[in-house]
Amino acid sequence: MSLQNQLSAANIPIEYRNIWEEPDAASFVRANASGTDIVPTLSVGTTVLVNPSAGEVLDAMREQVPHLIPAT
């Protein structure tokens, strides 16, 4: 299952950016992914994750933005 599907299934709020249509988004990804266009690249609070697992995203959310994790 893709990261997008896993996060959607967990009701995690996601803001999507298109690096092929948004130059600022492309610059952000390249700056944080060793100059490459690796997607997904996510920012969670002040943490940037390059091609993370759903578990890594949830761990970062628990540390940075726990209020955005839906109650289960």
Protein backbone atom coordinates (compact mmCIF):
# COMPACT_ATOMS: atom_id res chain seq x y z
CA MET A 1 0.00 0.00 0.00
CA SER A 2 1.36 3.44 -0.87
CA LEU A 3 2.25 5.97 1.80
CA GLN A 4 -0.56 8.19 0.57
CA ASN A 5 -3.09 5.38 0.99
CA GLN A 6 -1.75 4.44 4.42
CA LEU A 7 -1.95 8.01 5.71
CA SER A 8 -5.40 8.52 4.18
CA ALA A 9 -6.61 5.29 5.81
CA ALA A 10 -5.38 6.64 9.16
CA ASN A 11 -7.21 9.97 8.54
CA ILE A 12 -3.92 11.88 8.65
CA PRO A 13 -4.29 15.37 7.15
CA ILE A 14 -2.11 15.81 4.07
CA GLU A 15 -1.32 18.91 2.02
CA TYR A 16 -0.17 17.90 -1.44
CA ARG A 17 2.28 19.90 -3.55
CA ASN A 18 3.17 19.13 -7.16
CA ILE A 19 6.91 19.53 -7.71
CA TRP A 20 6.46 19.47 -11.49
CA GLU A 21 4.03 22.41 -11.40
CA GLU A 22 5.26 24.37 -8.36
CA PRO A 23 8.87 25.60 -8.53
CA ASP A 24 8.97 26.38 -4.79
CA ALA A 25 7.88 22.84 -3.96
CA ALA A 26 10.52 21.43 -6.32
CA SER A 27 13.20 23.58 -4.67
CA PHE A 28 12.14 22.36 -1.22
CA VAL A 29 12.35 18.71 -2.28
CA ARG A 30 15.74 19.12 -3.96
CA ALA A 31 17.13 21.02 -0.97
CA ASN A 32 16.12 18.19 1.35
CA ALA A 33 16.71 15.16 -0.90
CA SER A 34 20.36 15.67 -1.86
CA GLY A 35 19.45 17.58 -5.01
CA THR A 36 17.09 14.91 -6.36
CA ASP A 37 13.36 14.84 -7.02
CA ILE A 38 12.59 12.06 -4.54
CA VAL A 39 8.94 11.90 -3.67
CA PRO A 40 7.34 11.64 -1.31
CA THR A 41 9.23 14.24 0.67
CA LEU A 42 7.24 15.45 3.66
CA SER A 43 7.60 18.14 6.25
CA VAL A 44 6.13 17.45 9.65
CA GLY A 45 6.61 20.45 11.89
CA THR A 46 10.33 21.20 11.58
CA THR A 47 11.20 17.64 10.51
CA VAL A 48 11.70 16.72 6.85
CA LEU A 49 11.29 13.09 5.82
CA VAL A 50 12.43 11.76 2.44
CA ASN A 51 10.58 8.67 1.21
CA PRO A 52 9.44 7.73 4.73
CA SER A 53 7.33 4.85 5.93
CA ALA A 54 3.93 5.55 7.47
CA GLY A 55 5.44 4.66 10.85
CA GLU A 56 8.16 7.28 10.44
CA VAL A 57 5.54 9.90 9.57
CA LEU A 58 3.46 9.01 12.62
CA ASP A 59 6.55 9.09 14.87
CA ALA A 60 7.40 12.57 13.58
CA MET A 61 3.81 13.68 14.09
CA ARG A 62 3.83 12.41 17.69
CA GLU A 63 6.94 14.52 18.33
CA GLN A 64 6.11 17.62 16.29
CA VAL A 65 2.33 17.94 15.84
CA PRO A 66 0.50 15.46 18.07
CA HIS A 67 -2.69 17.55 17.89
CA LEU A 68 -3.02 16.60 14.19
CA ILE A 69 -3.21 12.87 14.90
CA PRO A 70 -6.86 11.82 14.88
CA ALA A 71 -8.19 10.11 17.97
CA THR A 72 -8.80 6.43 17.44
